[in-house]
C-alpha atoms as a PDB file:
ATOM      1  CA  MET A   1       0.000   0.000   0.000  1.00  0.00           C
ATOM      2  CA  THR A   2       1.438   3.346  -0.995  1.00  0.00           C
ATOM      3  CA  THR A   3       0.778   6.665   0.634  1.00  0.00           C
ATOM      4  CA  PRO A   4      -0.504   9.446  -1.623  1.00  0.00           C
ATOM      5  CA  ARG A   5       1.932  12.292  -2.230  1.00  0.00           C
ATOM      6  CA  SER A   6      -0.479  14.767  -0.657  1.00  0.00           C
ATOM      7  CA  PHE A   7      -0.742  12.918   2.683  1.00  0.00           C
ATOM      8  CA  PRO A   8       2.333  14.559   4.300  1.00  0.00           C
ATOM      9  CA  VAL A   9       0.929  17.975   3.403  1.00  0.00           C
ATOM     10  CA  PHE A  10      -2.463  17.034   4.853  1.00  0.00           C
ATOM     11  CA  ALA A  11      -0.902  15.666   8.048  1.00  0.00           C
ATOM     12  CA  ILE A  12       1.258  18.745   8.667  1.00  0.00           C
ATOM     13  CA  VAL A  13      -1.541  21.217   7.961  1.00  0.00           C
ATOM     14  CA  PHE A  14      -4.041  19.197  10.020  1.00  0.00           C
ATOM     15  CA  ALA A  15      -1.713  19.061  13.048  1.00  0.00           C
ATOM     16  CA  VAL A  16      -0.914  22.772  12.936  1.00  0.00           C
ATOM     17  CA  VAL A  17      -4.457  23.986  12.279  1.00  0.00           C
ATOM     18  CA  TYR A  18      -6.001  21.639  14.867  1.00  0.00           C
ATOM     19  CA  ALA A  19      -3.679  22.887  17.607  1.00  0.00           C
ATOM     20  CA  VAL A  20      -4.180  26.566  16.800  1.00  0.00           C
ATOM     21  CA  VAL A  21      -7.963  26.361  16.347  1.00  0.00           C
ATOM     22  CA  TYR A  22      -8.342  24.301  19.537  1.00  0.00           C
ATOM     23  CA  VAL A  23      -6.571  26.986  21.583  1.00  0.00           C
ATOM     24  CA  LEU A  24      -8.706  29.702  19.962  1.00  0.00           C
ATOM     25  CA  ALA A  25     -11.865  27.678  20.627  1.00  0.00           C
ATOM     26  CA  VAL A  26     -10.966  27.183  24.298  1.00  0.00           C
ATOM     27  CA  GLU A  27      -9.993  30.819  24.825  1.00  0.00           C
ATOM     28  CA  ASN A  28     -13.068  32.276  23.075  1.00  0.00           C
ATOM     29  CA  ASN A  29     -15.516  29.408  23.786  1.00  0.00           C
ATOM     30  CA  TYR A  30     -16.228  28.546  20.152  1.00  0.00           C
ATOM     31  CA  ALA A  31     -17.966  25.238  20.814  1.00  0.00           C
ATOM     32  CA  LEU A  32     -19.836  23.603  17.958  1.00  0.00           C
ATOM     33  CA  PHE A  33     -22.218  22.076  20.499  1.00  0.00           C
ATOM     34  CA  THR A  34     -22.729  21.825  24.266  1.00  0.00           C
ATOM     35  CA  TYR A  35     -23.250  18.623  26.240  1.00  0.00           C
ATOM     36  CA  HIS A  36     -25.423  18.682  29.356  1.00  0.00           C
ATOM     37  CA  PRO A  37     -24.547  15.503  31.299  1.00  0.00           C
ATOM     38  CA  ALA A  38     -27.284  15.948  33.940  1.00  0.00           C
ATOM     39  CA  ASP A  39     -29.932  15.981  31.197  1.00  0.00           C
ATOM     40  CA  ASN A  40     -27.968  13.675  28.868  1.00  0.00           C
ATOM     41  CA  ALA A  41     -28.655  16.154  26.067  1.00  0.00           C
ATOM     42  CA  PHE A  42     -26.711  18.000  23.392  1.00  0.00           C
ATOM     43  CA  GLY A  43     -27.429  21.584  22.371  1.00  0.00           C
ATOM     44  CA  PRO A  44     -26.262  23.609  19.386  1.00  0.00           C
ATOM     45  CA  LEU A  45     -23.341  26.001  19.826  1.00  0.00           C
ATOM     46  CA  VAL A  46     -22.697  27.442  23.297  1.00  0.00           C
ATOM     47  CA  GLU A  47     -25.579  27.098  25.741  1.00  0.00           C
ATOM     48  CA  PRO A  48     -25.677  28.142  29.400  1.00  0.00           C
ATOM     49  CA  PRO A  49     -25.689  25.422  32.076  1.00  0.00           C
ATOM     50  CA  GLY A  50     -29.055  23.827  32.725  1.00  0.00           C
ATOM     51  CA  ALA A  51     -29.814  21.434  35.578  1.00  0.00           C
ATOM     52  CA  GLY A  52     -26.090  20.720  35.945  1.00  0.00           C
ATOM     53  CA  PRO A  53     -22.818  21.879  34.449  1.00  0.00           C
ATOM     54  CA  ALA A  54     -22.453  22.340  30.720  1.00  0.00           C
ATOM     55  CA  MET A  55     -19.545  20.623  28.973  1.00  0.00           C
ATOM     56  CA  TYR A  56     -18.035  22.545  26.067  1.00  0.00           C
ATOM     57  CA  TRP A  57     -14.946  20.381  25.593  1.00  0.00           C
ATOM     58  CA  TYR A  58     -16.555  18.054  23.052  1.00  0.00           C
ATOM     59  CA  GLY A  59     -17.694  21.058  21.041  1.00  0.00           C
ATOM     60  CA  TRP A  60     -14.194  22.551  21.092  1.00  0.00           C
ATOM     61  CA  ILE A  61     -12.766  19.272  19.783  1.00  0.00           C
ATOM     62  CA  ALA A  62     -15.367  19.130  17.012  1.00  0.00           C
ATOM     63  CA  THR A  63     -14.706  22.765  16.060  1.00  0.00           C
ATOM     64  CA  ALA A  64     -10.954  22.169  15.835  1.00  0.00           C
ATOM     65  CA  GLY A  65     -11.326  18.823  14.049  1.00  0.00           C
ATOM     66  CA  ILE A  66     -13.669  20.073  11.347  1.00  0.00           C
ATOM     67  CA  SER A  67     -11.590  23.216  10.776  1.00  0.00           C
ATOM     68  CA  ALA A  68      -8.382  21.195  10.506  1.00  0.00           C
ATOM     69  CA  LEU A  69     -10.001  18.654   8.178  1.00  0.00           C
ATOM     70  CA  VAL A  70     -11.283  21.340   5.810  1.00  0.00           C
ATOM     71  CA  LEU A  71      -8.007  23.277   5.696  1.00  0.00           C
ATOM     72  CA  GLY A  72      -6.002  20.054   5.366  1.00  0.00           C
ATOM     73  CA  LEU A  73      -8.079  19.000   2.364  1.00  0.00           C
ATOM     74  CA  ILE A  74      -7.709  22.452   0.822  1.00  0.00           C
ATOM     75  CA  ALA A  75      -3.934  22.226   1.302  1.00  0.00           C
ATOM     76  CA  CYS A  76      -3.930  18.904  -0.577  1.00  0.00           C
ATOM     77  CA  CYS A  77      -5.276  20.697  -3.639  1.00  0.00           C
ATOM     78  CA  ILE A  78      -2.343  23.126  -3.744  1.00  0.00           C
ATOM     79  CA  PRO A  79       0.217  22.214  -6.422  1.00  0.00           C
ATOM     80  CA  GLY A  80       3.237  20.215  -5.236  1.00  0.00           C
ATOM     81  CA  ASP A  81       5.778  22.961  -5.959  1.00  0.00           C
ATOM     82  CA  ALA A  82       4.173  25.306  -3.444  1.00  0.00           C
ATOM     83  CA  THR A  83       4.127  22.694  -0.665  1.00  0.00           C
ATOM     84  CA  LYS A  84       7.716  21.462  -1.003  1.00  0.00           C
ATOM     85  CA  ARG A  85       8.909  24.181   1.388  1.00  0.00           C
ATOM     86  CA  LEU A  86       6.472  23.109   4.127  1.00  0.00           C
ATOM     87  CA  TRP A  87       8.636  22.113   7.100  1.00  0.00           C
ATOM     88  CA  SER A  88       7.505  18.846   8.676  1.00  0.00           C
ATOM     89  CA  GLY A  89       8.706  20.065  12.090  1.00  0.00           C
ATOM     90  CA  LEU A  90       5.672  22.336  12.193  1.00  0.00           C
ATOM     91  CA  SER A  91       3.547  19.254  12.890  1.00  0.00           C
ATOM     92  CA  TRP A  92       5.132  18.919  16.334  1.00  0.00           C
ATOM     93  CA  ALA A  93       6.511  22.409  17.086  1.00  0.00           C
ATOM     94  CA  ILE A  94       3.196  24.256  16.850  1.00  0.00           C
ATOM     95  CA  PRO A  95       1.203  21.725  18.952  1.00  0.00           C
ATOM     96  CA  VAL A  96       3.897  21.786  21.655  1.00  0.00           C
ATOM     97  CA  GLY A  97       3.737  25.574  21.661  1.00  0.00           C
ATOM     98  CA  MET A  98      -0.047  25.455  21.899  1.00  0.00           C
ATOM     99  CA  MET A  99       0.193  23.063  24.867  1.00  0.00           C
ATOM    100  CA  LEU A 100       2.307  25.665  26.618  1.00  0.00           C
ATOM    101  CA  VAL A 101      -0.313  28.308  25.829  1.00  0.00           C
ATOM    102  CA  VAL A 102      -3.107  26.120  27.249  1.00  0.00           C
ATOM    103  CA  THR A 103      -1.000  25.472  30.351  1.00  0.00           C
ATOM    104  CA  TYR A 104      -0.626  29.226  30.754  1.00  0.00           C
ATOM    105  CA  LEU A 105      -4.376  29.756  30.276  1.00  0.00           C
ATOM    106  CA  LEU A 106      -5.135  27.129  32.945  1.00  0.00           C
ATOM    107  CA  ARG A 107      -2.438  28.269  35.365  1.00  0.00           C
ATOM    108  CA  GLY A 108      -5.099  29.123  37.973  1.00  0.00           C
ATOM    109  CA  TYR A 109      -5.895  25.421  38.360  1.00  0.00           C
ATOM    110  CA  PHE A 110      -2.243  24.558  38.945  1.00  0.00           C
ATOM    111  CA  LEU A 111      -1.402  27.397  41.334  1.00  0.00           C
ATOM    112  CA  ARG A 112      -4.124  26.942  43.951  1.00  0.00           C
END
């Protein structure tokens, strides 16, 4: 089984875009949907808590995943000459940087 030539481009773009969009979604609460575990119900976009706490994490993951999928597929359509300069180290450097940003955003939980 051979890997298509566009797969490395898709993988790099997906990893970078997913990490960046996830941090933006967490910081600005861009959830695609909200889960209410007390009611065992899903709601569209961001909803306030109902009978219990509202969980936005699943919506943030969906937002980042769909955004990364779309931009990764668009990047696959770019001609090969334009993507040859895409550094594969971006697929780990940007997510590590975004983990540091999330750690900074959640520093209140660690410094209690």
